[in-house]
Amino acid sequence: MSVKSYEEKSGSVPEPIVRLNRIVLLTGVIAAIVLQQPLLITLLFIIIVPAVMFGKNASPIFLIGSQLLSRQIEGAAAESPQLMRFNNAIAAILLGASQLAFIPGSPAAGWILAGITGAAAAVALGGFCFLYYQFNRQRYRLFGK
């Protein structure tokens, strides 16, 4: 099954692409911290924002990953596009806040916020998205189905 027919059929995000997204975030944050290079955080922010604003088809990671991982995508498990967008929104908020901290000269705050993004990506690579679970749990408690 081609990538395009997979997307049309399921509407989901293939697990190899989800993993790639998390790996890009984690390695990007680690590289930025090790190199003390806030511009790498800016680059991550620029990569993630289109996915948050317009969905997976605007995501550079999704577009490139679909080509590079086409063999792994066939028959792969998939993740909800809402979960992927939620995770990317959290990453974009944290990376954006990190950028705002760097501007006035608060590098410690910037690195902490970037580090939280990396830690969240690492936990998500482990297979558990605590924030999304809690968000849905509280939403259900307040509003029902």
C-alpha atoms as a PDB file:
ATOM      1  CA  MET A   1       0.000   0.000   0.000  1.00  0.00           C
ATOM      2  CA  SER A   2       1.469   3.370  -0.926  1.00  0.00           C
ATOM      3  CA  VAL A   3       1.828   6.187   1.585  1.00  0.00           C
ATOM      4  CA  LYS A   4      -0.876   8.206  -0.134  1.00  0.00           C
ATOM      5  CA  SER A   5      -3.424   5.373  -0.126  1.00  0.00           C
ATOM      6  CA  TYR A   6      -2.557   4.678   3.526  1.00  0.00           C
ATOM      7  CA  GLU A   7      -3.284   8.303   4.450  1.00  0.00           C
ATOM      8  CA  GLU A   8      -6.526   8.395   2.489  1.00  0.00           C
ATOM      9  CA  LYS A   9      -7.719   5.163   4.034  1.00  0.00           C
ATOM     10  CA  SER A  10      -6.829   5.750   7.652  1.00  0.00           C
ATOM     11  CA  GLY A  11      -6.372   9.486   8.203  1.00  0.00           C
ATOM     12  CA  SER A  12      -3.953   8.477  10.951  1.00  0.00           C
ATOM     13  CA  VAL A  13      -0.275   9.181  11.354  1.00  0.00           C
ATOM     14  CA  PRO A  14       1.903   6.083  10.861  1.00  0.00           C
ATOM     15  CA  GLU A  15       3.910   5.132  13.938  1.00  0.00           C
ATOM     16  CA  PRO A  16       7.316   5.435  12.180  1.00  0.00           C
ATOM     17  CA  ILE A  17       6.502   9.093  11.409  1.00  0.00           C
ATOM     18  CA  VAL A  18       5.398   9.681  15.008  1.00  0.00           C
ATOM     19  CA  ARG A  19       8.669   8.183  16.236  1.00  0.00           C
ATOM     20  CA  LEU A  20      10.655  10.300  13.757  1.00  0.00           C
ATOM     21  CA  ASN A  21       8.910  13.457  15.000  1.00  0.00           C
ATOM     22  CA  ARG A  22       9.820  12.654  18.591  1.00  0.00           C
ATOM     23  CA  ILE A  23      13.398  11.744  17.680  1.00  0.00           C
ATOM     24  CA  VAL A  24      13.837  15.025  15.781  1.00  0.00           C
ATOM     25  CA  LEU A  25      12.586  16.987  18.792  1.00  0.00           C
ATOM     26  CA  LEU A  26      14.718  15.071  21.282  1.00  0.00           C
ATOM     27  CA  THR A  27      17.946  15.120  19.276  1.00  0.00           C
ATOM     28  CA  GLY A  28      17.405  18.746  18.273  1.00  0.00           C
ATOM     29  CA  VAL A  29      16.992  19.826  21.883  1.00  0.00           C
ATOM     30  CA  ILE A  30      19.968  17.766  23.035  1.00  0.00           C
ATOM     31  CA  ALA A  31      22.154  19.174  20.245  1.00  0.00           C
ATOM     32  CA  ALA A  32      21.047  22.731  21.053  1.00  0.00           C
ATOM     33  CA  ILE A  33      21.818  22.307  24.754  1.00  0.00           C
ATOM     34  CA  VAL A  34      25.170  20.608  24.183  1.00  0.00           C
ATOM     35  CA  LEU A  35      26.221  23.207  21.596  1.00  0.00           C
ATOM     36  CA  GLN A  36      24.587  26.052  23.567  1.00  0.00           C
ATOM     37  CA  GLN A  37      22.970  27.135  20.302  1.00  0.00           C
ATOM     38  CA  PRO A  38      19.495  28.715  20.689  1.00  0.00           C
ATOM     39  CA  LEU A  39      19.168  28.900  16.892  1.00  0.00           C
ATOM     40  CA  LEU A  40      18.638  25.132  16.864  1.00  0.00           C
ATOM     41  CA  ILE A  41      15.621  25.685  19.136  1.00  0.00           C
ATOM     42  CA  THR A  42      14.407  28.292  16.642  1.00  0.00           C
ATOM     43  CA  LEU A  43      14.782  25.754  13.831  1.00  0.00           C
ATOM     44  CA  LEU A  44      12.776  23.152  15.771  1.00  0.00           C
ATOM     45  CA  PHE A  45      10.077  25.743  16.402  1.00  0.00           C
ATOM     46  CA  ILE A  46       9.913  26.586  12.696  1.00  0.00           C
ATOM     47  CA  ILE A  47       9.642  22.892  11.820  1.00  0.00           C
ATOM     48  CA  ILE A  48       6.845  22.164  14.328  1.00  0.00           C
ATOM     49  CA  VAL A  49       4.594  25.212  13.865  1.00  0.00           C
ATOM     50  CA  PRO A  50       3.235  24.277  10.398  1.00  0.00           C
ATOM     51  CA  ALA A  51       2.172  20.874  11.737  1.00  0.00           C
ATOM     52  CA  VAL A  52       0.299  22.545  14.592  1.00  0.00           C
ATOM     53  CA  MET A  53      -1.356  25.162  12.431  1.00  0.00           C
ATOM     54  CA  PHE A  54      -2.233  23.107   9.351  1.00  0.00           C
ATOM     55  CA  GLY A  55      -1.916  19.442  10.308  1.00  0.00           C
ATOM     56  CA  LYS A  56       0.266  16.584   9.199  1.00  0.00           C
ATOM     57  CA  ASN A  57       0.274  17.468   5.504  1.00  0.00           C
ATOM     58  CA  ALA A  58       2.061  20.746   6.326  1.00  0.00           C
ATOM     59  CA  SER A  59       4.632  19.061   8.559  1.00  0.00           C
ATOM     60  CA  PRO A  60       8.140  18.925   7.092  1.00  0.00           C
ATOM     61  CA  ILE A  61       8.813  15.888   9.284  1.00  0.00           C
ATOM     62  CA  PHE A  62       5.733  14.095   7.958  1.00  0.00           C
ATOM     63  CA  LEU A  63       6.501  14.957   4.334  1.00  0.00           C
ATOM     64  CA  ILE A  64      10.165  13.938   4.498  1.00  0.00           C
ATOM     65  CA  GLY A  65       9.494  10.952   6.742  1.00  0.00           C
ATOM     66  CA  SER A  66       6.804   9.661   4.393  1.00  0.00           C
ATOM     67  CA  GLN A  67       9.397   9.455   1.649  1.00  0.00           C
ATOM     68  CA  LEU A  68      12.283   8.116   3.735  1.00  0.00           C
ATOM     69  CA  LEU A  69      10.248   5.589   5.720  1.00  0.00           C
ATOM     70  CA  SER A  70       7.795   4.465   3.035  1.00  0.00           C
ATOM     71  CA  ARG A  71       8.676   0.771   3.471  1.00  0.00           C
ATOM     72  CA  GLN A  72       8.274   0.924   7.247  1.00  0.00           C
ATOM     73  CA  ILE A  73       4.938   2.723   6.949  1.00  0.00           C
ATOM     74  CA  GLU A  74       3.288  -0.139   5.091  1.00  0.00           C
ATOM     75  CA  GLY A  75       1.335  -2.137   7.631  1.00  0.00           C
ATOM     76  CA  ALA A  76       2.600  -0.034  10.541  1.00  0.00           C
ATOM     77  CA  ALA A  77       0.462   0.844  13.520  1.00  0.00           C
ATOM     78  CA  ALA A  78      -0.921   4.351  13.480  1.00  0.00           C
ATOM     79  CA  GLU A  79      -1.608   7.157  15.911  1.00  0.00           C
ATOM     80  CA  SER A  80      -4.465   9.596  16.056  1.00  0.00           C
ATOM     81  CA  PRO A  81      -3.766  12.840  14.194  1.00  0.00           C
ATOM     82  CA  GLN A  82      -5.352  14.691  17.135  1.00  0.00           C
ATOM     83  CA  LEU A  83      -2.771  13.228  19.525  1.00  0.00           C
ATOM     84  CA  MET A  84       0.054  14.140  17.153  1.00  0.00           C
ATOM     85  CA  ARG A  85      -1.246  17.687  16.806  1.00  0.00           C
ATOM     86  CA  PHE A  86      -1.701  17.978  20.590  1.00  0.00           C
ATOM     87  CA  ASN A  87       1.890  16.857  21.201  1.00  0.00           C
ATOM     88  CA  ASN A  88       3.209  19.224  18.548  1.00  0.00           C
ATOM     89  CA  ALA A  89       1.180  22.096  20.030  1.00  0.00           C
ATOM     90  CA  ILE A  90       2.751  21.513  23.453  1.00  0.00           C
ATOM     91  CA  ALA A  91       6.206  21.378  21.834  1.00  0.00           C
ATOM     92  CA  ALA A  92       5.536  24.574  19.863  1.00  0.00           C
ATOM     93  CA  ILE A  93       4.356  26.411  22.983  1.00  0.00           C
ATOM     94  CA  LEU A  94       7.413  25.332  24.976  1.00  0.00           C
ATOM     95  CA  LEU A  95       9.849  26.034  22.138  1.00  0.00           C
ATOM     96  CA  GLY A  96       8.215  29.411  21.487  1.00  0.00           C
ATOM     97  CA  ALA A  97       8.387  30.283  25.173  1.00  0.00           C
ATOM     98  CA  SER A  98      12.015  29.189  25.139  1.00  0.00           C
ATOM     99  CA  GLN A  99      12.671  31.629  22.288  1.00  0.00           C
ATOM    100  CA  LEU A 100      10.943  34.415  24.195  1.00  0.00           C
ATOM    101  CA  ALA A 101      13.171  33.687  27.191  1.00  0.00           C
ATOM    102  CA  PHE A 102      16.333  33.893  25.078  1.00  0.00           C
ATOM    103  CA  ILE A 103      15.401  37.302  23.612  1.00  0.00           C
ATOM    104  CA  PRO A 104      15.629  39.368  26.831  1.00  0.00           C
ATOM    105  CA  GLY A 105      18.719  37.478  27.923  1.00  0.00           C
ATOM    106  CA  SER A 106      17.292  34.765  30.174  1.00  0.00           C
ATOM    107  CA  PRO A 107      19.161  31.773  28.791  1.00  0.00           C
ATOM    108  CA  ALA A 108      18.590  29.591  31.861  1.00  0.00           C
ATOM    109  CA  ALA A 109      14.814  29.849  31.453  1.00  0.00           C
ATOM    110  CA  GLY A 110      15.150  29.226  27.721  1.00  0.00           C
ATOM    111  CA  TRP A 111      17.194  26.091  28.232  1.00  0.00           C
ATOM    112  CA  ILE A 112      14.837  24.811  30.930  1.00  0.00           C
ATOM    113  CA  LEU A 113      11.821  25.204  28.640  1.00  0.00           C
ATOM    114  CA  ALA A 114      13.697  23.546  25.780  1.00  0.00           C
ATOM    115  CA  GLY A 115      14.757  20.765  28.144  1.00  0.00           C
ATOM    116  CA  ILE A 116      11.133  20.164  29.135  1.00  0.00           C
ATOM    117  CA  THR A 117      10.329  19.745  25.446  1.00  0.00           C
ATOM    118  CA  GLY A 118      13.123  17.201  25.079  1.00  0.00           C
ATOM    119  CA  ALA A 119      12.037  15.357  28.218  1.00  0.00           C
ATOM    120  CA  ALA A 120       8.446  15.194  26.965  1.00  0.00           C
ATOM    121  CA  ALA A 121       9.657  13.813  23.620  1.00  0.00           C
ATOM    122  CA  ALA A 122      11.754  11.207  25.454  1.00  0.00           C
ATOM    123  CA  VAL A 123       8.783  10.117  27.585  1.00  0.00           C
ATOM    124  CA  ALA A 124       6.580   9.973  24.478  1.00  0.00           C
ATOM    125  CA  LEU A 125       9.219   7.799  22.759  1.00  0.00           C
ATOM    126  CA  GLY A 126       8.711   5.470  25.688  1.00  0.00           C
ATOM    127  CA  GLY A 127       5.090   5.152  24.605  1.00  0.00           C
ATOM    128  CA  PHE A 128       3.160   7.260  27.062  1.00  0.00           C
ATOM    129  CA  CYS A 129       1.718  10.726  26.597  1.00  0.00           C
ATOM    130  CA  PHE A 130       0.777  11.754  30.124  1.00  0.00           C
ATOM    131  CA  LEU A 131      -0.475  15.227  29.214  1.00  0.00           C
ATOM    132  CA  TYR A 132      -2.851  14.004  26.517  1.00  0.00           C
ATOM    133  CA  TYR A 133      -4.179  11.290  28.826  1.00  0.00           C
ATOM    134  CA  GLN A 134      -4.804  13.827  31.616  1.00  0.00           C
ATOM    135  CA  PHE A 135      -6.316  16.344  29.185  1.00  0.00           C
ATOM    136  CA  ASN A 136      -8.842  13.794  27.924  1.00  0.00           C
ATOM    137  CA  ARG A 137      -9.538  12.491  31.410  1.00  0.00           C
ATOM    138  CA  GLN A 138     -10.308  15.954  32.781  1.00  0.00           C
ATOM    139  CA  ARG A 139     -12.311  16.882  29.698  1.00  0.00           C
ATOM    140  CA  TYR A 140     -14.429  13.769  30.161  1.00  0.00           C
ATOM    141  CA  ARG A 141     -14.909  14.546  33.851  1.00  0.00           C
ATOM    142  CA  LEU A 142     -16.112  18.063  33.063  1.00  0.00           C
ATOM    143  CA  PHE A 143     -18.120  17.543  29.896  1.00  0.00           C
ATOM    144  CA  GLY A 144     -18.803  13.816  29.546  1.00  0.00           C
ATOM    145  CA  LYS A 145     -18.475  12.294  26.106  1.00  0.00           C
END
